[in-house]
Amino acid sequence: MNDQERYDRFLSALGFRANLDGTPSGGVDLIDLDGEPVDPAVRLHVCPETLAAHVCDEQGVAPGAHPSLDDEPDELDDPEAASLQTLLAQIEEAILVREPGKDHLVLVDGGVRAVSEDQVPA
């Protein structure tokens, strides 16, 4: 799976849980999550490249790209899908525990952090 396909898969999964307000460059705006409004809305700063860097290992290989020991891979055991599901849970947690004025979500080692606009990496 290339970076764009991974990103599209991620946005599709996120779209099942959140109402996404368009797809502005450099991220997406989340205005609700699981039917509950996110007020104020948050911007998740993610693009195909940052997502790939977040879910790939040190060699730049996505978890799903490693050879399987099974003859027939099980879709439920897809490591890349599991990694994207973990990321979705981290986004939800970051939204729930964010402090006032920290309306921007950025991917960091080990998860997602809510930051103010002036703390968003360039």
N, C-alpha and C. Protein backbone atom coordinates (compact mmCIF):
# COMPACT_ATOMS: atom_id res chain seq x y z
N MET A 1 0.85 -1.17 0.00
CA MET A 1 0.00 0.00 0.00
C MET A 1 0.90 1.24 0.00
N ASN A 2 0.61 2.16 -0.90
CA ASN A 2 1.43 3.38 -0.91
C ASN A 2 0.87 4.41 0.08
N ASP A 3 1.60 5.52 0.24
CA ASP A 3 1.23 6.52 1.25
C ASP A 3 -0.18 7.07 1.02
N GLN A 4 -0.53 7.36 -0.23
CA GLN A 4 -1.85 7.93 -0.52
C GLN A 4 -2.96 6.93 -0.22
N GLU A 5 -2.76 5.67 -0.58
CA GLU A 5 -3.77 4.64 -0.29
C GLU A 5 -3.96 4.49 1.22
N ARG A 6 -2.86 4.51 1.96
CA ARG A 6 -2.94 4.41 3.42
C ARG A 6 -3.72 5.60 3.99
N TYR A 7 -3.41 6.80 3.48
CA TYR A 7 -4.08 8.02 3.93
C TYR A 7 -5.58 7.96 3.62
N ASP A 8 -5.94 7.52 2.42
CA ASP A 8 -7.35 7.39 2.05
C ASP A 8 -8.05 6.38 2.95
N ARG A 9 -7.38 5.28 3.25
CA ARG A 9 -7.95 4.26 4.15
C ARG A 9 -8.17 4.84 5.54
N PHE A 10 -7.19 5.62 6.01
CA PHE A 10 -7.28 6.26 7.32
C PHE A 10 -8.45 7.25 7.34
N LEU A 11 -8.57 8.12 6.33
CA LEU A 11 -9.67 9.10 6.29
C LEU A 11 -11.02 8.41 6.23
N SER A 12 -11.09 7.29 5.51
CA SER A 12 -12.33 6.53 5.44
C SER A 12 -12.71 6.00 6.82
N ALA A 13 -11.74 5.42 7.52
CA ALA A 13 -12.00 4.90 8.87
C ALA A 13 -12.37 6.03 9.82
N LEU A 14 -11.66 7.14 9.73
CA LEU A 14 -11.96 8.29 10.59
C LEU A 14 -13.35 8.84 10.29
N GLY A 15 -13.73 8.84 9.01
CA GLY A 15 -15.04 9.33 8.60
C GLY A 15 -16.20 8.53 9.15
N PHE A 16 -15.96 7.26 9.51
CA PHE A 16 -17.02 6.46 10.13
C PHE A 16 -17.30 6.92 11.55
N ARG A 17 -16.30 7.53 12.20
CA ARG A 17 -16.45 7.94 13.60
C ARG A 17 -16.60 9.44 13.76
N ALA A 18 -16.15 10.21 12.79
CA ALA A 18 -16.12 11.66 12.96
C ALA A 18 -16.69 12.34 11.72
N ASN A 19 -17.29 13.50 11.96
CA ASN A 19 -17.73 14.33 10.85
C ASN A 19 -16.55 15.21 10.47
N LEU A 20 -16.05 15.01 9.26
CA LEU A 20 -14.88 15.75 8.79
C LEU A 20 -15.35 16.94 7.97
N ASP A 21 -14.85 18.09 8.30
CA ASP A 21 -15.23 19.31 7.59
C ASP A 21 -14.23 19.57 6.48
N GLY A 22 -14.53 19.01 5.30
CA GLY A 22 -13.66 19.19 4.15
C GLY A 22 -12.32 18.51 4.36
N THR A 23 -11.43 18.74 3.43
CA THR A 23 -10.08 18.21 3.56
C THR A 23 -9.10 19.33 3.22
N PRO A 24 -8.92 20.27 4.14
CA PRO A 24 -7.99 21.35 3.88
C PRO A 24 -6.57 20.81 3.77
N SER A 25 -5.72 21.55 3.08
CA SER A 25 -4.35 21.08 2.94
C SER A 25 -3.69 21.01 4.32
N GLY A 26 -2.93 19.97 4.51
CA GLY A 26 -2.23 19.81 5.77
C GLY A 26 -3.06 19.24 6.89
N GLY A 27 -4.24 18.74 6.60
CA GLY A 27 -5.02 18.13 7.66
C GLY A 27 -6.51 18.12 7.39
N VAL A 28 -7.25 17.74 8.42
CA VAL A 28 -8.71 17.70 8.35
C VAL A 28 -9.27 18.31 9.63
N ASP A 29 -10.43 18.93 9.51
CA ASP A 29 -11.11 19.50 10.67
C ASP A 29 -12.15 18.49 11.15
N LEU A 30 -12.14 18.22 12.46
CA LEU A 30 -13.11 17.31 13.05
C LEU A 30 -14.12 18.14 13.83
N ILE A 31 -15.39 18.01 13.45
CA ILE A 31 -16.42 18.81 14.12
C ILE A 31 -17.31 17.98 15.03
N ASP A 32 -17.25 16.65 14.89
CA ASP A 32 -17.89 15.78 15.87
C ASP A 32 -17.20 14.44 15.87
N LEU A 33 -17.41 13.70 16.95
CA LEU A 33 -16.80 12.39 17.11
C LEU A 33 -17.84 11.48 17.76
N ASP A 34 -18.13 10.39 17.10
CA ASP A 34 -19.13 9.42 17.58
C ASP A 34 -20.46 10.10 17.90
N GLY A 35 -20.85 11.07 17.06
CA GLY A 35 -22.13 11.74 17.20
C GLY A 35 -22.16 12.88 18.21
N GLU A 36 -21.06 13.09 18.92
CA GLU A 36 -20.98 14.18 19.90
C GLU A 36 -20.19 15.33 19.30
N PRO A 37 -20.68 16.56 19.44
CA PRO A 37 -19.95 17.69 18.86
C PRO A 37 -18.58 17.88 19.51
N VAL A 38 -17.62 18.25 18.70
CA VAL A 38 -16.30 18.63 19.20
C VAL A 38 -16.30 20.16 19.14
N ASP A 39 -16.34 20.78 20.33
CA ASP A 39 -16.48 22.23 20.39
C ASP A 39 -15.41 22.84 21.28
N PRO A 40 -14.54 23.63 20.73
CA PRO A 40 -14.47 23.98 19.31
C PRO A 40 -13.89 22.83 18.49
N ALA A 41 -14.15 22.90 17.19
CA ALA A 41 -13.62 21.87 16.28
C ALA A 41 -12.10 21.84 16.38
N VAL A 42 -11.52 20.70 16.06
CA VAL A 42 -10.06 20.57 16.07
C VAL A 42 -9.56 20.27 14.67
N ARG A 43 -8.37 20.72 14.41
CA ARG A 43 -7.71 20.38 13.14
C ARG A 43 -6.69 19.30 13.42
N LEU A 44 -6.83 18.18 12.71
CA LEU A 44 -5.85 17.10 12.78
C LEU A 44 -4.85 17.35 11.66
N HIS A 45 -3.63 17.64 12.03
CA HIS A 45 -2.58 17.93 11.05
C HIS A 45 -1.95 16.61 10.60
N VAL A 46 -2.41 16.15 9.44
CA VAL A 46 -1.91 14.88 8.90
C VAL A 46 -2.01 14.95 7.38
N CYS A 47 -1.06 14.33 6.74
CA CYS A 47 -1.05 14.19 5.28
C CYS A 47 -0.53 12.79 4.99
N PRO A 48 -0.55 12.36 3.74
CA PRO A 48 -0.06 11.01 3.45
C PRO A 48 1.35 10.73 3.98
N GLU A 49 2.22 11.70 3.87
CA GLU A 49 3.61 11.49 4.29
C GLU A 49 3.74 11.41 5.81
N THR A 50 3.07 12.31 6.55
CA THR A 50 3.18 12.28 8.01
C THR A 50 2.52 11.03 8.58
N LEU A 51 1.43 10.60 7.96
CA LEU A 51 0.77 9.37 8.41
C LEU A 51 1.69 8.18 8.20
N ALA A 52 2.32 8.10 7.04
CA ALA A 52 3.22 6.98 6.76
C ALA A 52 4.39 6.99 7.76
N ALA A 53 4.95 8.15 8.03
CA ALA A 53 6.06 8.24 8.98
C ALA A 53 5.62 7.80 10.37
N HIS A 54 4.36 8.04 10.70
CA HIS A 54 3.84 7.69 12.02
C HIS A 54 3.59 6.20 12.18
N VAL A 55 3.12 5.55 11.14
CA VAL A 55 2.74 4.13 11.27
C VAL A 55 3.80 3.16 10.74
N CYS A 56 4.84 3.68 10.10
CA CYS A 56 5.89 2.80 9.56
C CYS A 56 7.01 2.63 10.58
N ASP A 57 7.76 1.54 10.44
CA ASP A 57 8.87 1.28 11.35
C ASP A 57 10.11 2.09 10.96
N GLU A 58 11.20 1.85 11.68
CA GLU A 58 12.43 2.62 11.47
C GLU A 58 12.97 2.48 10.05
N GLN A 59 12.68 1.39 9.37
CA GLN A 59 13.14 1.19 8.00
C GLN A 59 12.15 1.74 6.98
N GLY A 60 11.08 2.39 7.47
CA GLY A 60 10.09 2.95 6.56
C GLY A 60 9.11 1.93 6.01
N VAL A 61 9.01 0.79 6.68
CA VAL A 61 8.12 -0.28 6.22
C VAL A 61 6.88 -0.29 7.09
N ALA A 62 5.72 -0.25 6.44
CA ALA A 62 4.46 -0.32 7.17
C ALA A 62 4.30 -1.72 7.75
N PRO A 63 3.63 -1.83 8.91
CA PRO A 63 3.49 -3.14 9.55
C PRO A 63 2.90 -4.20 8.62
N GLY A 64 1.95 -3.83 7.78
CA GLY A 64 1.33 -4.79 6.88
C GLY A 64 2.22 -5.24 5.75
N ALA A 65 3.38 -4.57 5.55
CA ALA A 65 4.27 -4.93 4.46
C ALA A 65 5.25 -6.03 4.82
N HIS A 66 5.33 -6.38 6.10
CA HIS A 66 6.22 -7.46 6.51
C HIS A 66 5.63 -8.80 6.07
N PRO A 67 6.45 -9.73 5.65
CA PRO A 67 5.91 -11.02 5.22
C PRO A 67 5.22 -11.75 6.38
N SER A 68 4.14 -12.40 6.06
CA SER A 68 3.39 -13.15 7.06
C SER A 68 3.91 -14.58 7.14
N LEU A 69 3.84 -15.17 8.32
CA LEU A 69 4.23 -16.56 8.48
C LEU A 69 3.08 -17.49 8.13
N ASP A 70 1.88 -16.93 8.04
CA ASP A 70 0.70 -17.72 7.70
C ASP A 70 0.61 -17.86 6.18
N ASP A 71 0.03 -18.98 5.76
CA ASP A 71 -0.20 -19.16 4.33
C ASP A 71 -1.28 -18.20 3.84
N GLU A 72 -2.31 -18.00 4.65
CA GLU A 72 -3.40 -17.12 4.28
C GLU A 72 -3.54 -16.04 5.34
N PRO A 73 -3.22 -14.79 4.99
CA PRO A 73 -3.35 -13.73 5.98
C PRO A 73 -4.79 -13.51 6.41
N ASP A 74 -4.98 -13.27 7.67
CA ASP A 74 -6.30 -13.02 8.24
C ASP A 74 -6.52 -11.52 8.30
N GLU A 75 -7.58 -11.02 7.67
CA GLU A 75 -7.85 -9.58 7.63
C GLU A 75 -7.93 -8.98 9.03
N LEU A 76 -8.44 -9.75 9.99
CA LEU A 76 -8.55 -9.23 11.35
C LEU A 76 -7.19 -9.07 12.00
N ASP A 77 -6.18 -9.77 11.51
CA ASP A 77 -4.84 -9.69 12.08
C ASP A 77 -3.94 -8.75 11.29
N ASP A 78 -4.49 -7.93 10.41
CA ASP A 78 -3.71 -7.00 9.60
C ASP A 78 -3.05 -5.98 10.53
N PRO A 79 -1.73 -6.03 10.66
CA PRO A 79 -1.05 -5.12 11.59
C PRO A 79 -1.22 -3.65 11.22
N GLU A 80 -1.30 -3.36 9.94
CA GLU A 80 -1.47 -1.96 9.54
C GLU A 80 -2.85 -1.46 9.95
N ALA A 81 -3.87 -2.29 9.78
CA ALA A 81 -5.22 -1.90 10.21
C ALA A 81 -5.24 -1.69 11.72
N ALA A 82 -4.55 -2.55 12.45
CA ALA A 82 -4.48 -2.41 13.90
C ALA A 82 -3.79 -1.11 14.28
N SER A 83 -2.74 -0.75 13.57
CA SER A 83 -2.02 0.48 13.85
C SER A 83 -2.88 1.70 13.56
N LEU A 84 -3.68 1.64 12.49
CA LEU A 84 -4.59 2.76 12.19
C LEU A 84 -5.70 2.84 13.24
N GLN A 85 -6.20 1.70 13.72
CA GLN A 85 -7.22 1.71 14.77
C GLN A 85 -6.66 2.30 16.07
N THR A 86 -5.43 1.97 16.38
CA THR A 86 -4.78 2.55 17.56
C THR A 86 -4.68 4.06 17.41
N LEU A 87 -4.33 4.52 16.23
CA LEU A 87 -4.24 5.96 15.97
C LEU A 87 -5.60 6.63 16.16
N LEU A 88 -6.67 6.00 15.70
CA LEU A 88 -8.02 6.56 15.89
C LEU A 88 -8.33 6.69 17.38
N ALA A 89 -7.97 5.69 18.17
CA ALA A 89 -8.20 5.75 19.63
C ALA A 89 -7.37 6.87 20.26
N GLN A 90 -6.16 7.07 19.78
CA GLN A 90 -5.30 8.13 20.29
C GLN A 90 -5.86 9.52 19.95
N ILE A 91 -6.45 9.64 18.79
CA ILE A 91 -7.08 10.91 18.39
C ILE A 91 -8.25 11.21 19.32
N GLU A 92 -9.08 10.20 19.58
CA GLU A 92 -10.22 10.38 20.48
C GLU A 92 -9.73 10.81 21.87
N GLU A 93 -8.72 10.14 22.38
CA GLU A 93 -8.21 10.48 23.71
C GLU A 93 -7.67 11.91 23.74
N ALA A 94 -6.92 12.29 22.70
CA ALA A 94 -6.37 13.65 22.65
C ALA A 94 -7.47 14.70 22.64
N ILE A 95 -8.57 14.42 21.96
CA ILE A 95 -9.70 15.36 21.93
C ILE A 95 -10.33 15.47 23.32
N LEU A 96 -10.51 14.34 23.97
CA LEU A 96 -11.19 14.32 25.26
C LEU A 96 -10.40 14.99 26.37
N VAL A 97 -9.07 14.94 26.33
CA VAL A 97 -8.27 15.47 27.43
C VAL A 97 -7.58 16.80 27.09
N ARG A 98 -7.86 17.36 25.92
CA ARG A 98 -7.18 18.60 25.52
C ARG A 98 -7.55 19.76 26.43
N GLU A 99 -6.62 20.68 26.56
CA GLU A 99 -6.83 21.88 27.35
C GLU A 99 -7.41 22.97 26.46
N PRO A 100 -8.10 23.96 27.05
CA PRO A 100 -8.64 25.06 26.25
C PRO A 100 -7.53 25.74 25.43
N GLY A 101 -7.86 26.05 24.19
CA GLY A 101 -6.92 26.71 23.30
C GLY A 101 -6.00 25.75 22.55
N LYS A 102 -6.07 24.48 22.88
CA LYS A 102 -5.25 23.48 22.19
C LYS A 102 -6.15 22.72 21.22
N ASP A 103 -6.39 23.37 20.08
CA ASP A 103 -7.36 22.86 19.11
C ASP A 103 -6.71 22.28 17.86
N HIS A 104 -5.44 21.92 17.96
CA HIS A 104 -4.72 21.34 16.84
C HIS A 104 -4.10 20.03 17.32
N LEU A 105 -4.35 18.96 16.55
CA LEU A 105 -3.81 17.65 16.90
C LEU A 105 -2.64 17.34 15.97
N VAL A 106 -1.53 16.93 16.56
CA VAL A 106 -0.35 16.57 15.78
C VAL A 106 0.09 15.16 16.16
N LEU A 107 0.64 14.46 15.18
CA LEU A 107 1.16 13.12 15.42
C LEU A 107 2.55 13.25 16.03
N VAL A 108 2.76 12.55 17.13
CA VAL A 108 4.05 12.56 17.82
C VAL A 108 4.44 11.10 18.09
N ASP A 109 5.71 10.90 18.43
CA ASP A 109 6.14 9.54 18.77
C ASP A 109 5.23 8.99 19.86
N GLY A 110 4.63 7.86 19.59
CA GLY A 110 3.80 7.20 20.58
C GLY A 110 2.37 7.69 20.67
N GLY A 111 1.94 8.60 19.79
CA GLY A 111 0.55 9.01 19.87
C GLY A 111 0.21 10.30 19.17
N VAL A 112 -0.74 11.00 19.79
CA VAL A 112 -1.29 12.24 19.25
C VAL A 112 -1.30 13.25 20.37
N ARG A 113 -0.93 14.49 20.07
CA ARG A 113 -0.90 15.54 21.09
C ARG A 113 -1.75 16.71 20.63
N ALA A 114 -2.50 17.30 21.57
CA ALA A 114 -3.26 18.52 21.31
C ALA A 114 -2.36 19.70 21.64
N VAL A 115 -2.22 20.62 20.68
CA VAL A 115 -1.36 21.79 20.85
C VAL A 115 -2.11 23.03 20.39
N SER A 116 -1.56 24.20 20.73
CA SER A 116 -2.12 25.45 20.23
C SER A 116 -1.59 25.67 18.81
N GLU A 117 -2.22 26.58 18.09
CA GLU A 117 -1.86 26.81 16.70
C GLU A 117 -0.39 27.18 16.54
N ASP A 118 0.16 27.96 17.47
CA ASP A 118 1.55 28.39 17.35
C ASP A 118 2.55 27.27 17.67
N GLN A 119 2.06 26.12 18.16
CA GLN A 119 2.93 24.99 18.45
C GLN A 119 2.93 23.94 17.35
N VAL A 120 2.14 24.17 16.29
CA VAL A 120 2.07 23.22 15.18
C VAL A 120 3.38 23.29 14.39
N PRO A 121 4.04 22.15 14.20
CA PRO A 121 5.28 22.16 13.42
C PRO A 121 5.03 22.67 11.99
N ALA A 122 5.99 23.41 11.49
CA ALA A 122 5.86 23.97 10.13
C ALA A 122 6.02 22.91 9.08
